[in-house]
Amino acid sequence: LLDLLALRHEPALIMTCALSGIAS
């Protein structure tokens, strides 16, 4: 999904996140 959305947006505008540091 992120790779598809990267066709529309610059990678700098894509962020992933999670609650814990290890999950992030």
mmCIF file of all heavy atoms, coordinates in Angstrom:
data_MODEL
# 
_entry.id   MODEL 
# 
loop_
_atom_site.group_PDB 
_atom_site.id 
_atom_site.type_symbol 
_atom_site.label_atom_id 
_atom_site.label_alt_id 
_atom_site.label_comp_id 
_atom_site.label_asym_id 
_atom_site.label_entity_id 
_atom_site.label_seq_id 
_atom_site.pdbx_PDB_ins_code 
_atom_site.Cartn_x 
_atom_site.Cartn_y 
_atom_site.Cartn_z 
_atom_site.occupancy 
_atom_site.B_iso_or_equiv 
_atom_site.pdbx_formal_charge 
_atom_site.auth_seq_id 
_atom_site.auth_comp_id 
_atom_site.auth_asym_id 
_atom_site.auth_atom_id 
_atom_site.pdbx_PDB_model_num 
ATOM 1   N N   . LEU A 1 1  ? 0.833  -1.215 0.000  1.00 0.00 ? 1  LEU A N   1 
ATOM 2   C CA  . LEU A 1 1  ? 0.000  0.000  0.000  1.00 0.00 ? 1  LEU A CA  1 
ATOM 3   C C   . LEU A 1 1  ? 0.865  1.262  0.000  1.00 0.00 ? 1  LEU A C   1 
ATOM 4   O O   . LEU A 1 1  ? 0.599  2.211  -0.739 1.00 0.00 ? 1  LEU A O   1 
ATOM 5   C CB  . LEU A 1 1  ? -0.920 0.000  1.226  1.00 0.00 ? 1  LEU A CB  1 
ATOM 6   C CG  . LEU A 1 1  ? -2.078 -1.004 1.226  1.00 0.00 ? 1  LEU A CG  1 
ATOM 7   C CD1 . LEU A 1 1  ? -2.748 -1.040 2.595  1.00 0.00 ? 1  LEU A CD1 1 
ATOM 8   C CD2 . LEU A 1 1  ? -3.100 -0.643 0.158  1.00 0.00 ? 1  LEU A CD2 1 
ATOM 9   N N   . LEU A 1 2  ? 1.905  1.253  0.844  1.00 0.00 ? 2  LEU A N   1 
ATOM 10  C CA  . LEU A 1 2  ? 2.790  2.423  0.910  1.00 0.00 ? 2  LEU A CA  1 
ATOM 11  C C   . LEU A 1 2  ? 3.537  2.621  -0.409 1.00 0.00 ? 2  LEU A C   1 
ATOM 12  O O   . LEU A 1 2  ? 3.716  3.762  -0.862 1.00 0.00 ? 2  LEU A O   1 
ATOM 13  C CB  . LEU A 1 2  ? 3.783  2.258  2.056  1.00 0.00 ? 2  LEU A CB  1 
ATOM 14  C CG  . LEU A 1 2  ? 3.189  2.308  3.476  1.00 0.00 ? 2  LEU A CG  1 
ATOM 15  C CD1 . LEU A 1 2  ? 4.252  2.002  4.512  1.00 0.00 ? 2  LEU A CD1 1 
ATOM 16  C CD2 . LEU A 1 2  ? 2.538  3.654  3.760  1.00 0.00 ? 2  LEU A CD2 1 
ATOM 17  N N   . ASP A 1 3  ? 3.965  1.519  -1.033 1.00 0.00 ? 3  ASP A N   1 
ATOM 18  C CA  . ASP A 1 3  ? 4.664  1.618  -2.329 1.00 0.00 ? 3  ASP A CA  1 
ATOM 19  C C   . ASP A 1 3  ? 3.747  2.216  -3.396 1.00 0.00 ? 3  ASP A C   1 
ATOM 20  O O   . ASP A 1 3  ? 4.188  3.010  -4.236 1.00 0.00 ? 3  ASP A O   1 
ATOM 21  C CB  . ASP A 1 3  ? 5.164  0.243  -2.770 1.00 0.00 ? 3  ASP A CB  1 
ATOM 22  C CG  . ASP A 1 3  ? 6.359  -0.238 -1.949 1.00 0.00 ? 3  ASP A CG  1 
ATOM 23  O OD1 . ASP A 1 3  ? 6.966  0.592  -1.246 1.00 0.00 ? 3  ASP A OD1 1 
ATOM 24  O OD2 . ASP A 1 3  ? 6.670  -1.443 -2.005 1.00 0.00 ? 3  ASP A OD2 1 
ATOM 25  N N   . LEU A 1 4  ? 2.466  1.846  -3.373 1.00 0.00 ? 4  LEU A N   1 
ATOM 26  C CA  . LEU A 1 4  ? 1.505  2.420  -4.327 1.00 0.00 ? 4  LEU A CA  1 
ATOM 27  C C   . LEU A 1 4  ? 1.310  3.916  -4.058 1.00 0.00 ? 4  LEU A C   1 
ATOM 28  O O   . LEU A 1 4  ? 1.293  4.728  -4.987 1.00 0.00 ? 4  LEU A O   1 
ATOM 29  C CB  . LEU A 1 4  ? 0.159  1.698  -4.218 1.00 0.00 ? 4  LEU A CB  1 
ATOM 30  C CG  . LEU A 1 4  ? 0.084  0.314  -4.870 1.00 0.00 ? 4  LEU A CG  1 
ATOM 31  C CD1 . LEU A 1 4  ? -1.202 -0.392 -4.467 1.00 0.00 ? 4  LEU A CD1 1 
ATOM 32  C CD2 . LEU A 1 4  ? 0.166  0.431  -6.393 1.00 0.00 ? 4  LEU A CD2 1 
ATOM 33  N N   . LEU A 1 5  ? 1.183  4.269  -2.785 1.00 0.00 ? 5  LEU A N   1 
ATOM 34  C CA  . LEU A 1 5  ? 0.990  5.679  -2.441 1.00 0.00 ? 5  LEU A CA  1 
ATOM 35  C C   . LEU A 1 5  ? 2.245  6.511  -2.709 1.00 0.00 ? 5  LEU A C   1 
ATOM 36  O O   . LEU A 1 5  ? 2.159  7.722  -2.924 1.00 0.00 ? 5  LEU A O   1 
ATOM 37  C CB  . LEU A 1 5  ? 0.579  5.793  -0.966 1.00 0.00 ? 5  LEU A CB  1 
ATOM 38  C CG  . LEU A 1 5  ? -0.858 5.312  -0.685 1.00 0.00 ? 5  LEU A CG  1 
ATOM 39  C CD1 . LEU A 1 5  ? -1.068 5.041  0.787  1.00 0.00 ? 5  LEU A CD1 1 
ATOM 40  C CD2 . LEU A 1 5  ? -1.874 6.333  -1.197 1.00 0.00 ? 5  LEU A CD2 1 
ATOM 41  N N   . ALA A 1 6  ? 3.409  5.855  -2.727 1.00 0.00 ? 6  ALA A N   1 
ATOM 42  C CA  . ALA A 1 6  ? 4.660  6.556  -3.031 1.00 0.00 ? 6  ALA A CA  1 
ATOM 43  C C   . ALA A 1 6  ? 4.727  6.983  -4.493 1.00 0.00 ? 6  ALA A C   1 
ATOM 44  O O   . ALA A 1 6  ? 5.549  7.837  -4.853 1.00 0.00 ? 6  ALA A O   1 
ATOM 45  C CB  . ALA A 1 6  ? 5.855  5.659  -2.697 1.00 0.00 ? 6  ALA A CB  1 
ATOM 46  N N   . LEU A 1 7  ? 3.863  6.412  -5.337 1.00 0.00 ? 7  LEU A N   1 
ATOM 47  C CA  . LEU A 1 7  ? 3.777  6.873  -6.726 1.00 0.00 ? 7  LEU A CA  1 
ATOM 48  C C   . LEU A 1 7  ? 3.103  8.239  -6.802 1.00 0.00 ? 7  LEU A C   1 
ATOM 49  O O   . LEU A 1 7  ? 3.267  8.973  -7.764 1.00 0.00 ? 7  LEU A O   1 
ATOM 50  C CB  . LEU A 1 7  ? 2.981  5.864  -7.569 1.00 0.00 ? 7  LEU A CB  1 
ATOM 51  C CG  . LEU A 1 7  ? 3.548  4.439  -7.639 1.00 0.00 ? 7  LEU A CG  1 
ATOM 52  C CD1 . LEU A 1 7  ? 2.587  3.524  -8.392 1.00 0.00 ? 7  LEU A CD1 1 
ATOM 53  C CD2 . LEU A 1 7  ? 4.924  4.445  -8.315 1.00 0.00 ? 7  LEU A CD2 1 
ATOM 54  N N   . ARG A 1 8  ? 2.353  8.566  -5.775 1.00 0.00 ? 8  ARG A N   1 
ATOM 55  C CA  . ARG A 1 8  ? 1.612  9.832  -5.731 1.00 0.00 ? 8  ARG A CA  1 
ATOM 56  C C   . ARG A 1 8  ? 2.309  10.883 -4.864 1.00 0.00 ? 8  ARG A C   1 
ATOM 57  O O   . ARG A 1 8  ? 2.191  12.088 -5.100 1.00 0.00 ? 8  ARG A O   1 
ATOM 58  C CB  . ARG A 1 8  ? 0.205  9.573  -5.190 1.00 0.00 ? 8  ARG A CB  1 
ATOM 59  C CG  . ARG A 1 8  ? -0.718 10.778 -5.191 1.00 0.00 ? 8  ARG A CG  1 
ATOM 60  C CD  . ARG A 1 8  ? -2.040 10.463 -4.529 1.00 0.00 ? 8  ARG A CD  1 
ATOM 61  N NE  . ARG A 1 8  ? -2.730 9.358  -5.182 1.00 0.00 ? 8  ARG A NE  1 
ATOM 62  C CZ  . ARG A 1 8  ? -3.810 8.757  -4.683 1.00 0.00 ? 8  ARG A CZ  1 
ATOM 63  N NH1 . ARG A 1 8  ? -4.285 9.149  -3.509 1.00 0.00 ? 8  ARG A NH1 1 
ATOM 64  N NH2 . ARG A 1 8  ? -4.390 7.783  -5.329 1.00 0.00 ? 8  ARG A NH2 1 
ATOM 65  N N   . HIS A 1 9  ? 3.017  10.422 -3.822 1.00 0.00 ? 9  HIS A N   1 
ATOM 66  C CA  . HIS A 1 9  ? 3.626  11.347 -2.860 1.00 0.00 ? 9  HIS A CA  1 
ATOM 67  C C   . HIS A 1 9  ? 5.121  11.081 -2.710 1.00 0.00 ? 9  HIS A C   1 
ATOM 68  O O   . HIS A 1 9  ? 5.572  9.944  -2.838 1.00 0.00 ? 9  HIS A O   1 
ATOM 69  C CB  . HIS A 1 9  ? 2.963  11.208 -1.481 1.00 0.00 ? 9  HIS A CB  1 
ATOM 70  C CG  . HIS A 1 9  ? 1.480  11.402 -1.487 1.00 0.00 ? 9  HIS A CG  1 
ATOM 71  N ND1 . HIS A 1 9  ? 0.905  12.648 -1.627 1.00 0.00 ? 9  HIS A ND1 1 
ATOM 72  C CD2 . HIS A 1 9  ? 0.457  10.512 -1.379 1.00 0.00 ? 9  HIS A CD2 1 
ATOM 73  C CE1 . HIS A 1 9  ? -0.419 12.517 -1.595 1.00 0.00 ? 9  HIS A CE1 1 
ATOM 74  N NE2 . HIS A 1 9  ? -0.710 11.235 -1.446 1.00 0.00 ? 9  HIS A NE2 1 
ATOM 75  N N   . GLU A 1 10 ? 5.864  12.119 -2.394 1.00 0.00 ? 10 GLU A N   1 
ATOM 76  C CA  . GLU A 1 10 ? 7.287  11.971 -2.089 1.00 0.00 ? 10 GLU A CA  1 
ATOM 77  C C   . GLU A 1 10 ? 7.458  11.130 -0.820 1.00 0.00 ? 10 GLU A C   1 
ATOM 78  O O   . GLU A 1 10 ? 6.634  11.241 0.100  1.00 0.00 ? 10 GLU A O   1 
ATOM 79  C CB  . GLU A 1 10 ? 7.927  13.351 -1.864 1.00 0.00 ? 10 GLU A CB  1 
ATOM 80  C CG  . GLU A 1 10 ? 7.984  14.224 -3.094 1.00 0.00 ? 10 GLU A CG  1 
ATOM 81  C CD  . GLU A 1 10 ? 8.951  13.670 -4.134 1.00 0.00 ? 10 GLU A CD  1 
ATOM 82  O OE1 . GLU A 1 10 ? 10.012 13.139 -3.740 1.00 0.00 ? 10 GLU A OE1 1 
ATOM 83  O OE2 . GLU A 1 10 ? 8.625  13.753 -5.331 1.00 0.00 ? 10 GLU A OE2 1 
ATOM 84  N N   . PRO A 1 11 ? 8.515  10.304 -0.752 1.00 0.00 ? 11 PRO A N   1 
ATOM 85  C CA  . PRO A 1 11 ? 8.740  9.498  0.465  1.00 0.00 ? 11 PRO A CA  1 
ATOM 86  C C   . PRO A 1 11 ? 8.796  10.332 1.741  1.00 0.00 ? 11 PRO A C   1 
ATOM 87  O O   . PRO A 1 11 ? 8.397  9.863  2.797  1.00 0.00 ? 11 PRO A O   1 
ATOM 88  C CB  . PRO A 1 11 ? 10.086 8.825  0.182  1.00 0.00 ? 11 PRO A CB  1 
ATOM 89  C CG  . PRO A 1 11 ? 10.157 8.734  -1.312 1.00 0.00 ? 11 PRO A CG  1 
ATOM 90  C CD  . PRO A 1 11 ? 9.474  9.962  -1.814 1.00 0.00 ? 11 PRO A CD  1 
ATOM 91  N N   . ALA A 1 12 ? 9.275  11.579 1.640  1.00 0.00 ? 12 ALA A N   1 
ATOM 92  C CA  . ALA A 1 12 ? 9.355  12.440 2.821  1.00 0.00 ? 12 ALA A CA  1 
ATOM 93  C C   . ALA A 1 12 ? 7.977  12.782 3.381  1.00 0.00 ? 12 ALA A C   1 
ATOM 94  O O   . ALA A 1 12 ? 7.853  13.190 4.543  1.00 0.00 ? 12 ALA A O   1 
ATOM 95  C CB  . ALA A 1 12 ? 10.095 13.726 2.481  1.00 0.00 ? 12 ALA A CB  1 
ATOM 96  N N   . LEU A 1 13 ? 6.935  12.630 2.543  1.00 0.00 ? 13 LEU A N   1 
ATOM 97  C CA  . LEU A 1 13 ? 5.573  12.933 2.982  1.00 0.00 ? 13 LEU A CA  1 
ATOM 98  C C   . LEU A 1 13 ? 4.839  11.696 3.489  1.00 0.00 ? 13 LEU A C   1 
ATOM 99  O O   . LEU A 1 13 ? 3.643  11.753 3.789  1.00 0.00 ? 13 LEU A O   1 
ATOM 100 C CB  . LEU A 1 13 ? 4.782  13.565 1.836  1.00 0.00 ? 13 LEU A CB  1 
ATOM 101 C CG  . LEU A 1 13 ? 5.318  14.911 1.326  1.00 0.00 ? 13 LEU A CG  1 
ATOM 102 C CD1 . LEU A 1 13 ? 4.504  15.397 0.135  1.00 0.00 ? 13 LEU A CD1 1 
ATOM 103 C CD2 . LEU A 1 13 ? 5.316  15.956 2.440  1.00 0.00 ? 13 LEU A CD2 1 
ATOM 104 N N   . ILE A 1 14 ? 5.568  10.560 3.570  1.00 0.00 ? 14 ILE A N   1 
ATOM 105 C CA  . ILE A 1 14 ? 4.993  9.298  4.056  1.00 0.00 ? 14 ILE A CA  1 
ATOM 106 C C   . ILE A 1 14 ? 5.630  8.964  5.399  1.00 0.00 ? 14 ILE A C   1 
ATOM 107 O O   . ILE A 1 14 ? 6.845  8.893  5.530  1.00 0.00 ? 14 ILE A O   1 
ATOM 108 C CB  . ILE A 1 14 ? 5.243  8.150  3.055  1.00 0.00 ? 14 ILE A CB  1 
ATOM 109 C CG1 . ILE A 1 14 ? 4.580  8.463  1.704  1.00 0.00 ? 14 ILE A CG1 1 
ATOM 110 C CG2 . ILE A 1 14 ? 4.732  6.825  3.616  1.00 0.00 ? 14 ILE A CG2 1 
ATOM 111 C CD1 . ILE A 1 14 ? 4.874  7.453  0.618  1.00 0.00 ? 14 ILE A CD1 1 
ATOM 112 N N   . MET A 1 15 ? 4.805  8.759  6.417  1.00 0.00 ? 15 MET A N   1 
ATOM 113 C CA  . MET A 1 15 ? 5.304  8.455  7.755  1.00 0.00 ? 15 MET A CA  1 
ATOM 114 C C   . MET A 1 15 ? 4.590  7.211  8.301  1.00 0.00 ? 15 MET A C   1 
ATOM 115 O O   . MET A 1 15 ? 3.376  7.048  8.122  1.00 0.00 ? 15 MET A O   1 
ATOM 116 C CB  . MET A 1 15 ? 5.055  9.638  8.701  1.00 0.00 ? 15 MET A CB  1 
ATOM 117 C CG  . MET A 1 15 ? 5.381  9.370  10.164 1.00 0.00 ? 15 MET A CG  1 
ATOM 118 S SD  . MET A 1 15 ? 7.109  8.904  10.488 1.00 0.00 ? 15 MET A SD  1 
ATOM 119 C CE  . MET A 1 15 ? 7.925  10.500 10.295 1.00 0.00 ? 15 MET A CE  1 
ATOM 120 N N   . THR A 1 16 ? 5.354  6.334  8.947  1.00 0.00 ? 16 THR A N   1 
ATOM 121 C CA  . THR A 1 16 ? 4.763  5.204  9.666  1.00 0.00 ? 16 THR A CA  1 
ATOM 122 C C   . THR A 1 16 ? 5.028  5.422  11.148 1.00 0.00 ? 16 THR A C   1 
ATOM 123 O O   . THR A 1 16 ? 5.999  6.061  11.534 1.00 0.00 ? 16 THR A O   1 
ATOM 124 C CB  . THR A 1 16 ? 5.362  3.857  9.216  1.00 0.00 ? 16 THR A CB  1 
ATOM 125 O OG1 . THR A 1 16 ? 6.722  3.771  9.649  1.00 0.00 ? 16 THR A OG1 1 
ATOM 126 C CG2 . THR A 1 16 ? 5.296  3.709  7.704  1.00 0.00 ? 16 THR A CG2 1 
ATOM 127 N N   . CYS A 1 17 ? 4.138  4.879  12.003 1.00 0.00 ? 17 CYS A N   1 
ATOM 128 C CA  . CYS A 1 17 ? 4.327  5.077  13.439 1.00 0.00 ? 17 CYS A CA  1 
ATOM 129 C C   . CYS A 1 17 ? 3.691  3.935  14.224 1.00 0.00 ? 17 CYS A C   1 
ATOM 130 O O   . CYS A 1 17 ? 2.847  3.192  13.709 1.00 0.00 ? 17 CYS A O   1 
ATOM 131 C CB  . CYS A 1 17 ? 3.750  6.422  13.890 1.00 0.00 ? 17 CYS A CB  1 
ATOM 132 S SG  . CYS A 1 17 ? 1.965  6.565  13.701 1.00 0.00 ? 17 CYS A SG  1 
ATOM 133 N N   . ALA A 1 18 ? 4.105  3.808  15.471 1.00 0.00 ? 18 ALA A N   1 
ATOM 134 C CA  . ALA A 1 18 ? 3.554  2.807  16.380 1.00 0.00 ? 18 ALA A CA  1 
ATOM 135 C C   . ALA A 1 18 ? 3.757  3.304  17.798 1.00 0.00 ? 18 ALA A C   1 
ATOM 136 O O   . ALA A 1 18 ? 4.511  4.245  18.045 1.00 0.00 ? 18 ALA A O   1 
ATOM 137 C CB  . ALA A 1 18 ? 4.234  1.456  16.172 1.00 0.00 ? 18 ALA A CB  1 
ATOM 138 N N   . LEU A 1 19 ? 3.084  2.657  18.742 1.00 0.00 ? 19 LEU A N   1 
ATOM 139 C CA  . LEU A 1 19 ? 3.176  3.091  20.131 1.00 0.00 ? 19 LEU A CA  1 
ATOM 140 C C   . LEU A 1 19 ? 4.552  2.806  20.724 1.00 0.00 ? 19 LEU A C   1 
ATOM 141 O O   . LEU A 1 19 ? 5.170  3.663  21.351 1.00 0.00 ? 19 LEU A O   1 
ATOM 142 C CB  . LEU A 1 19 ? 2.097  2.399  20.967 1.00 0.00 ? 19 LEU A CB  1 
ATOM 143 C CG  . LEU A 1 19 ? 2.003  2.820  22.430 1.00 0.00 ? 19 LEU A CG  1 
ATOM 144 C CD1 . LEU A 1 19 ? 1.661  4.295  22.551 1.00 0.00 ? 19 LEU A CD1 1 
ATOM 145 C CD2 . LEU A 1 19 ? 0.970  1.989  23.163 1.00 0.00 ? 19 LEU A CD2 1 
ATOM 146 N N   . SER A 1 20 ? 5.065  1.593  20.519 1.00 0.00 ? 20 SER A N   1 
ATOM 147 C CA  . SER A 1 20 ? 6.345  1.218  21.126 1.00 0.00 ? 20 SER A CA  1 
ATOM 148 C C   . SER A 1 20 ? 7.500  1.461  20.163 1.00 0.00 ? 20 SER A C   1 
ATOM 149 O O   . SER A 1 20 ? 7.338  1.449  18.943 1.00 0.00 ? 20 SER A O   1 
ATOM 150 C CB  . SER A 1 20 ? 6.334  -0.257 21.536 1.00 0.00 ? 20 SER A CB  1 
ATOM 151 O OG  . SER A 1 20 ? 6.354  -1.097 20.396 1.00 0.00 ? 20 SER A OG  1 
ATOM 152 N N   . GLY A 1 21 ? 8.677  1.660  20.741 1.00 0.00 ? 21 GLY A N   1 
ATOM 153 C CA  . GLY A 1 21 ? 9.872  1.881  19.928 1.00 0.00 ? 21 GLY A CA  1 
ATOM 154 C C   . GLY A 1 21 ? 10.211 0.688  19.064 1.00 0.00 ? 21 GLY A C   1 
ATOM 155 O O   . GLY A 1 21 ? 10.585 0.835  17.900 1.00 0.00 ? 21 GLY A O   1 
ATOM 156 N N   . ILE A 1 22 ? 10.057 -0.537 19.603 1.00 0.00 ? 22 ILE A N   1 
ATOM 157 C CA  . ILE A 1 22 ? 10.407 -1.731 18.828 1.00 0.00 ? 22 ILE A CA  1 
ATOM 158 C C   . ILE A 1 22 ? 9.443  -1.935 17.662 1.00 0.00 ? 22 ILE A C   1 
ATOM 159 O O   . ILE A 1 22 ? 9.850  -2.330 16.569 1.00 0.00 ? 22 ILE A O   1 
ATOM 160 C CB  . ILE A 1 22 ? 10.445 -2.989 19.740 1.00 0.00 ? 22 ILE A CB  1 
ATOM 161 C CG1 . ILE A 1 22 ? 11.024 -4.193 18.995 1.00 0.00 ? 22 ILE A CG1 1 
ATOM 162 C CG2 . ILE A 1 22 ? 9.090  -3.318 20.310 1.00 0.00 ? 22 ILE A CG2 1 
ATOM 163 C CD1 . ILE A 1 22 ? 12.477 -4.093 18.643 1.00 0.00 ? 22 ILE A CD1 1 
ATOM 164 N N   . ALA A 1 23 ? 8.154  -1.634 17.868 1.00 0.00 ? 23 ALA A N   1 
ATOM 165 C CA  . ALA A 1 23 ? 7.181  -1.753 16.780 1.00 0.00 ? 23 ALA A CA  1 
ATOM 166 C C   . ALA A 1 23 ? 7.470  -0.731 15.694 1.00 0.00 ? 23 ALA A C   1 
ATOM 167 O O   . ALA A 1 23 ? 7.345  -1.021 14.493 1.00 0.00 ? 23 ALA A O   1 
ATOM 168 C CB  . ALA A 1 23 ? 5.762  -1.583 17.314 1.00 0.00 ? 23 ALA A CB  1 
ATOM 169 N N   . SER A 1 24 ? 7.868  0.473  16.111 1.00 0.00 ? 24 SER A N   1 
ATOM 170 C CA  . SER A 1 24 ? 8.236  1.505  15.143 1.00 0.00 ? 24 SER A CA  1 
ATOM 171 C C   . SER A 1 24 ? 9.465  1.094  14.343 1.00 0.00 ? 24 SER A C   1 
ATOM 172 O O   . SER A 1 24 ? 9.504  1.236  13.112 1.00 0.00 ? 24 SER A O   1 
ATOM 173 C CB  . SER A 1 24 ? 8.501  2.820  15.888 1.00 0.00 ? 24 SER A CB  1 
ATOM 174 O OG  . SER A 1 24 ? 9.132  3.753  15.056 1.00 0.00 ? 24 SER A OG  1 
# 
